Amino acid sequence: MITAPEVRLVIDGEGAEVISTRAAIAKAEELGLDLVEISPNAAPPVAKILDYKKFLYEQKKKKKEILTKAVKIVIKEVRFGPNTDEHDFQFKLNHARKFLEEGSKLKAYVFFKGRSILFKEKGEILLLRLAQELADIGDIESMPKLEGKRMIIFVNPKKRVK
């Protein structure tokens, strides 16, 4: 499948000689391995003699390892009303604190029903107070903003020093 007339041949990570593609294929067959084009955009293209099945297996293994090390972001939500009492606020604050300590991102919002939209200031004060209480373990991503009938604020957990 290699279309270039000549390739830069690498065997076991050593030697980078430029030879014809047919000669490289013959060398690979002689060793009982495959000729694999590693860098097709180079001039001349780089090809390597190796076991192709093993090469595919190792690539798949590396990809899987990268996926397992990737950080998965979990968003937890806490909902308030514009007239939330002190006890309810403290209860939800404790939940929010626990979520941030777990490493989850926090989405806190005040939901306005019907005419309670008149109390936008109360909702904003409530969310700012929540952000102030969580300042020791979380960073505010954005200030409270009104989206439809909800006023939303996002809080990211602070990075811990290990």
N, C-alpha and C. Protein backbone atom coordinates (compact mmCIF):
# COMPACT_ATOMS: atom_id res chain seq x y z
N MET A 1 0.81 -1.21 0.00
CA MET A 1 0.00 0.00 0.00
C MET A 1 0.85 1.28 0.00
N ILE A 2 2.14 1.13 0.15
CA ILE A 2 3.03 2.29 0.12
C ILE A 2 3.24 2.68 -1.35
N THR A 3 2.91 3.91 -1.70
CA THR A 3 2.94 4.34 -3.10
C THR A 3 4.22 5.06 -3.49
N ALA A 4 5.02 5.48 -2.53
CA ALA A 4 6.25 6.24 -2.83
C ALA A 4 7.28 5.30 -3.47
N PRO A 5 8.08 5.81 -4.42
CA PRO A 5 9.09 4.96 -5.08
C PRO A 5 10.23 4.57 -4.14
N GLU A 6 10.56 5.43 -3.19
CA GLU A 6 11.61 5.09 -2.22
C GLU A 6 11.21 5.57 -0.83
N VAL A 7 11.74 4.90 0.19
CA VAL A 7 11.40 5.21 1.59
C VAL A 7 12.66 5.29 2.43
N ARG A 8 12.54 5.99 3.55
CA ARG A 8 13.63 6.02 4.54
C ARG A 8 13.33 4.86 5.49
N LEU A 9 14.14 3.84 5.48
CA LEU A 9 13.88 2.60 6.22
C LEU A 9 14.52 2.63 7.60
N VAL A 10 13.74 2.31 8.62
CA VAL A 10 14.22 2.23 9.99
C VAL A 10 13.97 0.81 10.49
N ILE A 11 15.02 0.15 10.99
CA ILE A 11 14.89 -1.21 11.52
C ILE A 11 15.28 -1.18 12.99
N ASP A 12 14.34 -1.57 13.87
CA ASP A 12 14.57 -1.61 15.32
C ASP A 12 15.09 -0.29 15.88
N GLY A 13 14.63 0.83 15.35
CA GLY A 13 15.02 2.14 15.86
C GLY A 13 16.42 2.57 15.44
N GLU A 14 17.09 1.76 14.61
CA GLU A 14 18.45 2.08 14.18
C GLU A 14 18.49 2.22 12.66
N GLY A 15 19.42 2.98 12.16
CA GLY A 15 19.64 3.11 10.73
C GLY A 15 18.47 3.78 10.04
N ALA A 16 18.75 4.77 9.24
CA ALA A 16 17.71 5.47 8.50
C ALA A 16 18.18 5.63 7.07
N GLU A 17 18.33 4.49 6.38
CA GLU A 17 18.82 4.53 5.01
C GLU A 17 17.67 4.70 4.02
N VAL A 18 17.94 5.40 2.93
CA VAL A 18 16.94 5.61 1.89
C VAL A 18 17.14 4.53 0.82
N ILE A 19 16.09 3.68 0.66
CA ILE A 19 16.15 2.61 -0.36
C ILE A 19 14.83 2.54 -1.09
N SER A 20 14.78 1.76 -2.15
CA SER A 20 13.54 1.65 -2.92
C SER A 20 12.50 0.89 -2.10
N THR A 21 11.23 1.14 -2.41
CA THR A 21 10.14 0.50 -1.66
C THR A 21 10.17 -1.01 -1.84
N ARG A 22 10.45 -1.49 -3.06
CA ARG A 22 10.50 -2.94 -3.32
C ARG A 22 11.58 -3.61 -2.48
N ALA A 23 12.75 -2.97 -2.39
CA ALA A 23 13.85 -3.54 -1.61
C ALA A 23 13.47 -3.59 -0.12
N ALA A 24 12.77 -2.55 0.34
CA ALA A 24 12.33 -2.51 1.75
C ALA A 24 11.33 -3.62 2.03
N ILE A 25 10.40 -3.85 1.09
CA ILE A 25 9.41 -4.93 1.27
C ILE A 25 10.12 -6.29 1.28
N ALA A 26 11.09 -6.45 0.41
CA ALA A 26 11.85 -7.70 0.36
C ALA A 26 12.58 -7.95 1.68
N LYS A 27 13.18 -6.90 2.23
CA LYS A 27 13.88 -7.01 3.53
C LYS A 27 12.91 -7.41 4.64
N ALA A 28 11.72 -6.81 4.62
CA ALA A 28 10.71 -7.11 5.65
C ALA A 28 10.26 -8.56 5.56
N GLU A 29 10.04 -9.05 4.32
CA GLU A 29 9.62 -10.44 4.14
C GLU A 29 10.73 -11.40 4.57
N GLU A 30 11.96 -11.01 4.31
CA GLU A 30 13.12 -11.82 4.70
C GLU A 30 13.17 -12.01 6.22
N LEU A 31 12.82 -10.93 6.95
CA LEU A 31 12.80 -10.99 8.42
C LEU A 31 11.49 -11.56 8.97
N GLY A 32 10.50 -11.76 8.12
CA GLY A 32 9.21 -12.30 8.56
C GLY A 32 8.35 -11.26 9.27
N LEU A 33 8.59 -9.98 8.96
CA LEU A 33 7.84 -8.89 9.58
C LEU A 33 7.14 -8.07 8.49
N ASP A 34 6.51 -6.96 8.90
CA ASP A 34 5.79 -6.11 7.97
C ASP A 34 6.50 -4.78 7.78
N LEU A 35 6.31 -4.18 6.60
CA LEU A 35 6.82 -2.84 6.33
C LEU A 35 5.67 -1.87 6.57
N VAL A 36 5.81 -0.98 7.57
CA VAL A 36 4.74 -0.06 7.96
C VAL A 36 5.21 1.37 7.71
N GLU A 37 4.35 2.15 7.03
CA GLU A 37 4.66 3.55 6.76
C GLU A 37 4.33 4.35 8.02
N ILE A 38 5.34 4.94 8.63
CA ILE A 38 5.17 5.66 9.89
C ILE A 38 4.85 7.13 9.64
N SER A 39 5.60 7.76 8.76
CA SER A 39 5.41 9.19 8.48
C SER A 39 5.26 9.39 6.97
N PRO A 40 4.01 9.35 6.45
CA PRO A 40 3.80 9.45 5.01
C PRO A 40 4.06 10.84 4.43
N ASN A 41 4.06 11.89 5.24
CA ASN A 41 4.23 13.26 4.74
C ASN A 41 5.69 13.69 4.62
N ALA A 42 6.60 12.88 5.15
CA ALA A 42 8.02 13.23 5.08
C ALA A 42 8.53 13.03 3.65
N ALA A 43 9.69 13.61 3.34
CA ALA A 43 10.29 13.42 2.01
C ALA A 43 11.65 12.79 2.18
N PRO A 44 11.91 11.59 1.82
CA PRO A 44 10.97 10.53 1.44
C PRO A 44 10.23 9.99 2.68
N PRO A 45 9.08 9.31 2.47
CA PRO A 45 8.30 8.80 3.60
C PRO A 45 9.11 7.84 4.48
N VAL A 46 8.85 7.87 5.77
CA VAL A 46 9.56 7.01 6.71
C VAL A 46 8.77 5.72 6.87
N ALA A 47 9.46 4.58 6.72
CA ALA A 47 8.84 3.28 6.90
C ALA A 47 9.65 2.49 7.91
N LYS A 48 8.97 1.59 8.60
CA LYS A 48 9.62 0.83 9.67
C LYS A 48 9.31 -0.65 9.47
N ILE A 49 10.28 -1.50 9.75
CA ILE A 49 10.02 -2.94 9.69
C ILE A 49 9.69 -3.38 11.10
N LEU A 50 8.46 -3.88 11.27
CA LEU A 50 8.00 -4.34 12.59
C LEU A 50 6.81 -5.27 12.44
N ASP A 51 6.39 -5.87 13.54
CA ASP A 51 5.21 -6.75 13.53
C ASP A 51 3.98 -5.85 13.60
N TYR A 52 3.18 -5.82 12.53
CA TYR A 52 2.06 -4.88 12.43
C TYR A 52 0.99 -5.13 13.47
N LYS A 53 0.67 -6.38 13.75
CA LYS A 53 -0.37 -6.71 14.75
C LYS A 53 0.05 -6.21 16.13
N LYS A 54 1.33 -6.39 16.45
CA LYS A 54 1.85 -5.92 17.73
C LYS A 54 1.81 -4.39 17.79
N PHE A 55 2.13 -3.74 16.66
CA PHE A 55 2.10 -2.29 16.56
C PHE A 55 0.69 -1.76 16.83
N LEU A 56 -0.32 -2.38 16.20
CA LEU A 56 -1.72 -1.98 16.42
C LEU A 56 -2.13 -2.20 17.87
N TYR A 57 -1.72 -3.32 18.44
CA TYR A 57 -2.04 -3.64 19.83
C TYR A 57 -1.47 -2.58 20.77
N GLU A 58 -0.22 -2.19 20.56
CA GLU A 58 0.43 -1.20 21.42
C GLU A 58 -0.22 0.18 21.27
N GLN A 59 -0.61 0.53 20.04
CA GLN A 59 -1.31 1.81 19.83
C GLN A 59 -2.64 1.82 20.58
N LYS A 60 -3.37 0.71 20.49
CA LYS A 60 -4.67 0.60 21.17
C LYS A 60 -4.47 0.70 22.68
N LYS A 61 -3.43 0.07 23.18
CA LYS A 61 -3.12 0.08 24.62
C LYS A 61 -2.78 1.50 25.09
N LYS A 62 -1.99 2.24 24.31
CA LYS A 62 -1.63 3.62 24.65
C LYS A 62 -2.86 4.51 24.68
N LYS A 63 -3.74 4.34 23.69
CA LYS A 63 -4.97 5.13 23.61
C LYS A 63 -5.85 4.88 24.84
N LYS A 64 -5.96 3.62 25.23
CA LYS A 64 -6.77 3.25 26.39
C LYS A 64 -6.19 3.85 27.66
N GLU A 65 -4.87 3.84 27.78
CA GLU A 65 -4.20 4.40 28.95
C GLU A 65 -4.42 5.90 29.05
N ILE A 66 -4.39 6.59 27.91
CA ILE A 66 -4.63 8.04 27.90
C ILE A 66 -6.05 8.33 28.35
N LEU A 67 -7.01 7.53 27.88
CA LEU A 67 -8.42 7.72 28.26
C LEU A 67 -8.64 7.51 29.76
N THR A 68 -7.95 6.52 30.35
CA THR A 68 -8.14 6.26 31.78
C THR A 68 -7.53 7.37 32.63
N LYS A 69 -6.48 8.04 32.12
CA LYS A 69 -5.86 9.12 32.88
C LYS A 69 -6.57 10.45 32.71
N ALA A 70 -7.50 10.52 31.76
CA ALA A 70 -8.22 11.77 31.49
C ALA A 70 -9.10 12.12 32.69
N VAL A 71 -9.20 13.40 32.98
CA VAL A 71 -9.99 13.88 34.11
C VAL A 71 -11.45 14.01 33.67
N LYS A 72 -12.32 13.38 34.43
CA LYS A 72 -13.74 13.46 34.13
C LYS A 72 -14.38 14.50 35.04
N ILE A 73 -15.03 15.50 34.45
CA ILE A 73 -15.63 16.58 35.22
C ILE A 73 -17.07 16.23 35.53
N VAL A 74 -17.40 16.25 36.80
CA VAL A 74 -18.76 15.97 37.24
C VAL A 74 -19.36 17.27 37.75
N ILE A 75 -20.57 17.59 37.28
CA ILE A 75 -21.25 18.81 37.72
C ILE A 75 -22.39 18.43 38.65
N LYS A 76 -22.34 18.94 39.88
CA LYS A 76 -23.40 18.73 40.86
C LYS A 76 -24.21 20.02 40.97
N GLU A 77 -25.50 19.87 41.20
CA GLU A 77 -26.38 21.04 41.27
C GLU A 77 -26.98 21.22 42.66
N VAL A 78 -27.14 22.49 43.04
CA VAL A 78 -27.83 22.85 44.28
C VAL A 78 -28.85 23.92 43.89
N ARG A 79 -30.11 23.68 44.27
CA ARG A 79 -31.19 24.58 43.88
C ARG A 79 -31.73 25.33 45.09
N PHE A 80 -31.92 26.62 44.90
CA PHE A 80 -32.47 27.48 45.94
C PHE A 80 -33.73 28.16 45.41
N GLY A 81 -34.55 28.65 46.34
CA GLY A 81 -35.65 29.53 45.99
C GLY A 81 -35.26 30.93 46.43
N PRO A 82 -35.92 31.96 45.95
CA PRO A 82 -35.52 33.32 46.32
C PRO A 82 -35.75 33.61 47.81
N ASN A 83 -36.66 32.88 48.45
CA ASN A 83 -36.95 33.12 49.87
C ASN A 83 -36.46 31.96 50.74
N THR A 84 -35.29 31.42 50.45
CA THR A 84 -34.73 30.30 51.20
C THR A 84 -34.37 30.75 52.62
N ASP A 85 -34.83 29.96 53.61
CA ASP A 85 -34.54 30.27 55.02
C ASP A 85 -33.10 29.94 55.37
N GLU A 86 -32.67 30.40 56.54
CA GLU A 86 -31.29 30.23 57.00
C GLU A 86 -30.93 28.74 57.16
N HIS A 87 -31.82 27.98 57.79
CA HIS A 87 -31.54 26.55 58.01
C HIS A 87 -31.39 25.82 56.68
N ASP A 88 -32.29 26.08 55.72
CA ASP A 88 -32.21 25.44 54.42
C ASP A 88 -30.93 25.85 53.70
N PHE A 89 -30.56 27.11 53.83
CA PHE A 89 -29.33 27.60 53.21
C PHE A 89 -28.11 26.86 53.77
N GLN A 90 -28.05 26.71 55.10
CA GLN A 90 -26.92 26.01 55.73
C GLN A 90 -26.88 24.54 55.31
N PHE A 91 -28.05 23.91 55.21
CA PHE A 91 -28.15 22.52 54.80
C PHE A 91 -27.60 22.33 53.39
N LYS A 92 -28.01 23.20 52.49
CA LYS A 92 -27.54 23.11 51.09
C LYS A 92 -26.09 23.54 50.96
N LEU A 93 -25.66 24.45 51.81
CA LEU A 93 -24.26 24.87 51.83
C LEU A 93 -23.37 23.68 52.19
N ASN A 94 -23.80 22.88 53.18
CA ASN A 94 -23.03 21.70 53.57
C ASN A 94 -22.92 20.70 52.41
N HIS A 95 -24.02 20.53 51.68
CA HIS A 95 -23.99 19.64 50.51
C HIS A 95 -23.04 20.19 49.45
N ALA A 96 -23.11 21.47 49.21
CA ALA A 96 -22.23 22.10 48.22
C ALA A 96 -20.77 21.95 48.62
N ARG A 97 -20.49 22.13 49.89
CA ARG A 97 -19.12 21.98 50.41
C ARG A 97 -18.62 20.55 50.17
N LYS A 98 -19.49 19.59 50.45
CA LYS A 98 -19.13 18.17 50.25
C LYS A 98 -18.84 17.89 48.76
N PHE A 99 -19.67 18.44 47.86
CA PHE A 99 -19.47 18.24 46.43
C PHE A 99 -18.12 18.79 45.99
N LEU A 100 -17.77 20.00 46.46
CA LEU A 100 -16.50 20.61 46.08
C LEU A 100 -15.31 19.84 46.65
N GLU A 101 -15.45 19.30 47.86
CA GLU A 101 -14.37 18.52 48.45
C GLU A 101 -14.14 17.23 47.68
N GLU A 102 -15.21 16.68 47.09
CA GLU A 102 -15.08 15.48 46.26
C GLU A 102 -14.35 15.78 44.95
N GLY A 103 -14.31 17.06 44.58
CA GLY A 103 -13.66 17.45 43.33
C GLY A 103 -14.65 17.73 42.21
N SER A 104 -15.93 17.75 42.53
CA SER A 104 -16.95 18.03 41.52
C SER A 104 -17.11 19.53 41.33
N LYS A 105 -17.58 19.90 40.16
CA LYS A 105 -17.89 21.31 39.87
C LYS A 105 -19.30 21.55 40.39
N LEU A 106 -19.56 22.73 40.91
CA LEU A 106 -20.85 23.04 41.50
C LEU A 106 -21.62 24.05 40.66
N LYS A 107 -22.88 23.73 40.41
CA LYS A 107 -23.78 24.65 39.71
C LYS A 107 -24.89 24.97 40.70
N ALA A 108 -24.90 26.19 41.20
CA ALA A 108 -25.93 26.62 42.15
C ALA A 108 -26.85 27.58 41.43
N TYR A 109 -28.15 27.41 41.63
CA TYR A 109 -29.07 28.31 40.98
C TYR A 109 -30.29 28.59 41.84
N VAL A 110 -30.84 29.78 41.62
CA VAL A 110 -32.07 30.19 42.27
C VAL A 110 -33.15 30.11 41.21
N PHE A 111 -34.20 29.33 41.50
CA PHE A 111 -35.29 29.14 40.54
C PHE A 111 -36.45 30.06 40.93
N PHE A 112 -36.85 30.89 40.00
CA PHE A 112 -37.95 31.84 40.25
C PHE A 112 -39.24 31.29 39.65
N LYS A 113 -40.28 31.17 40.51
CA LYS A 113 -41.59 30.70 40.04
C LYS A 113 -42.54 31.90 39.98
N GLY A 114 -43.28 31.98 38.92
CA GLY A 114 -44.32 33.00 38.81
C GLY A 114 -43.82 34.40 39.07
N ARG A 115 -44.45 35.06 40.04
CA ARG A 115 -44.09 36.46 40.33
C ARG A 115 -42.82 36.62 41.15
N SER A 116 -42.27 35.52 41.64
CA SER A 116 -41.07 35.63 42.46
C SER A 116 -39.89 36.19 41.66
N ILE A 117 -40.03 36.32 40.35
CA ILE A 117 -38.99 36.92 39.51
C ILE A 117 -38.75 38.37 39.92
N LEU A 118 -39.68 38.96 40.65
CA LEU A 118 -39.51 40.34 41.15
C LEU A 118 -38.37 40.43 42.16
N PHE A 119 -38.00 39.28 42.78
CA PHE A 119 -36.98 39.26 43.83
C PHE A 119 -35.62 38.83 43.27
N LYS A 120 -35.26 39.35 42.09
CA LYS A 120 -33.97 39.01 41.48
C LYS A 120 -32.81 39.38 42.39
N GLU A 121 -32.94 40.51 43.09
CA GLU A 121 -31.86 40.97 43.97
C GLU A 121 -31.63 39.96 45.10
N LYS A 122 -32.73 39.42 45.66
CA LYS A 122 -32.61 38.42 46.74
C LYS A 122 -31.85 37.20 46.25
N GLY A 123 -32.17 36.78 45.04
CA GLY A 123 -31.50 35.61 44.45
C GLY A 123 -30.02 35.86 44.25
N GLU A 124 -29.70 37.05 43.78
CA GLU A 124 -28.29 37.38 43.55
C GLU A 124 -27.53 37.45 44.87
N ILE A 125 -28.14 38.04 45.87
CA ILE A 125 -27.51 38.13 47.20
C ILE A 125 -27.27 36.73 47.76
N LEU A 126 -28.26 35.85 47.59
CA LEU A 126 -28.16 34.47 48.09
C LEU A 126 -26.98 33.73 47.43
N LEU A 127 -26.86 33.87 46.11
CA LEU A 127 -25.78 33.18 45.39
C LEU A 127 -24.41 33.76 45.73
N LEU A 128 -24.34 35.08 45.89
CA LEU A 128 -23.06 35.70 46.27
C LEU A 128 -22.65 35.29 47.67
N ARG A 129 -23.64 35.16 48.55
CA ARG A 129 -23.35 34.71 49.91
C ARG A 129 -22.83 33.27 49.89
N LEU A 130 -23.45 32.43 49.06
CA LEU A 130 -22.99 31.04 48.92
C LEU A 130 -21.54 31.01 48.43
N ALA A 131 -21.25 31.82 47.42
CA ALA A 131 -19.89 31.87 46.87
C ALA A 131 -18.89 32.34 47.92
N GLN A 132 -19.31 33.30 48.75
CA GLN A 132 -18.43 33.81 49.80
C GLN A 132 -18.17 32.74 50.85
N GLU A 133 -19.20 31.97 51.20
CA GLU A 133 -19.05 30.90 52.19
C GLU A 133 -18.13 29.79 51.68
N LEU A 134 -18.15 29.55 50.35
CA LEU A 134 -17.35 28.47 49.76
C LEU A 134 -16.00 28.95 49.23
N ALA A 135 -15.65 30.21 49.49
CA ALA A 135 -14.41 30.80 48.95
C ALA A 135 -13.16 30.04 49.38
N ASP A 136 -13.19 29.39 50.56
CA ASP A 136 -12.00 28.69 51.04
C ASP A 136 -11.72 27.40 50.26
N ILE A 137 -12.75 26.78 49.68
CA ILE A 137 -12.51 25.53 48.94
C ILE A 137 -12.91 25.60 47.47
N GLY A 138 -13.45 26.74 47.03
CA GLY A 138 -13.88 26.86 45.64
C GLY A 138 -13.64 28.23 45.04
N ASP A 139 -13.46 28.26 43.73
CA ASP A 139 -13.27 29.51 42.99
C ASP A 139 -14.50 29.76 42.13
N ILE A 140 -14.97 31.00 42.12
CA ILE A 140 -16.14 31.35 41.31
C ILE A 140 -15.72 31.40 39.84
N GLU A 141 -16.46 30.69 39.01
CA GLU A 141 -16.17 30.70 37.57
C GLU A 141 -16.77 31.94 36.91
N SER A 142 -18.00 32.28 37.31
CA SER A 142 -18.65 33.47 36.75
C SER A 142 -19.60 34.06 37.77
N MET A 143 -19.86 35.33 37.66
CA MET A 143 -20.80 35.99 38.57
C MET A 143 -22.22 35.51 38.26
N PRO A 144 -23.14 35.67 39.23
CA PRO A 144 -24.52 35.22 38.99
C PRO A 144 -25.14 35.92 37.78
N LYS A 145 -25.75 35.11 36.92
CA LYS A 145 -26.42 35.69 35.76
C LYS A 145 -27.79 35.05 35.58
N LEU A 146 -28.72 35.84 35.12
CA LEU A 146 -30.10 35.40 34.97
C LEU A 146 -30.29 34.79 33.58
N GLU A 147 -30.74 33.53 33.55
CA GLU A 147 -31.04 32.84 32.29
C GLU A 147 -32.47 32.34 32.38
N GLY A 148 -33.39 33.05 31.77
CA GLY A 148 -34.80 32.67 31.85
C GLY A 148 -35.32 32.88 33.25
N LYS A 149 -35.78 31.80 33.89
CA LYS A 149 -36.31 31.89 35.26
C LYS A 149 -35.30 31.42 36.29
N ARG A 150 -34.05 31.30 35.87
CA ARG A 150 -33.00 30.83 36.79
C ARG A 150 -31.87 31.85 36.85
N MET A 151 -31.31 32.01 38.05
CA MET A 151 -30.09 32.79 38.21
C MET A 151 -29.02 31.78 38.60
N ILE A 152 -27.96 31.69 37.79
CA ILE A 152 -26.98 30.61 37.91
C ILE A 152 -25.60 31.14 38.27
N ILE A 153 -24.88 30.33 39.08
CA ILE A 153 -23.48 30.60 39.38
C ILE A 153 -22.75 29.26 39.36
N PHE A 154 -21.52 29.26 38.85
CA PHE A 154 -20.69 28.06 38.82
C PHE A 154 -19.51 28.25 39.76
N VAL A 155 -19.18 27.18 40.51
CA VAL A 155 -18.04 27.22 41.43
C VAL A 155 -17.17 26.00 41.13
N ASN A 156 -15.88 26.25 40.88
CA ASN A 156 -14.92 25.18 40.63
C ASN A 156 -14.18 24.85 41.92
N PRO A 157 -13.86 23.57 42.15
CA PRO A 157 -13.05 23.25 43.34
C PRO A 157 -11.64 23.79 43.18
N LYS A 158 -11.05 24.23 44.29
CA LYS A 158 -9.66 24.72 44.23
C LYS A 158 -8.73 23.53 44.08
N LYS A 159 -7.63 23.77 43.41
CA LYS A 159 -6.62 22.72 43.23
C LYS A 159 -5.93 22.47 44.56
N ARG A 160 -5.84 21.20 44.92
CA ARG A 160 -5.17 20.85 46.17
C ARG A 160 -3.70 20.59 45.92
N VAL A 161 -2.85 21.03 46.82
CA VAL A 161 -1.41 20.79 46.71
C VAL A 161 -1.11 19.47 47.40
N LYS A 162 -0.48 18.54 46.62
CA LYS A 162 -0.20 17.20 47.17
C LYS A 162 1.20 17.13 47.73
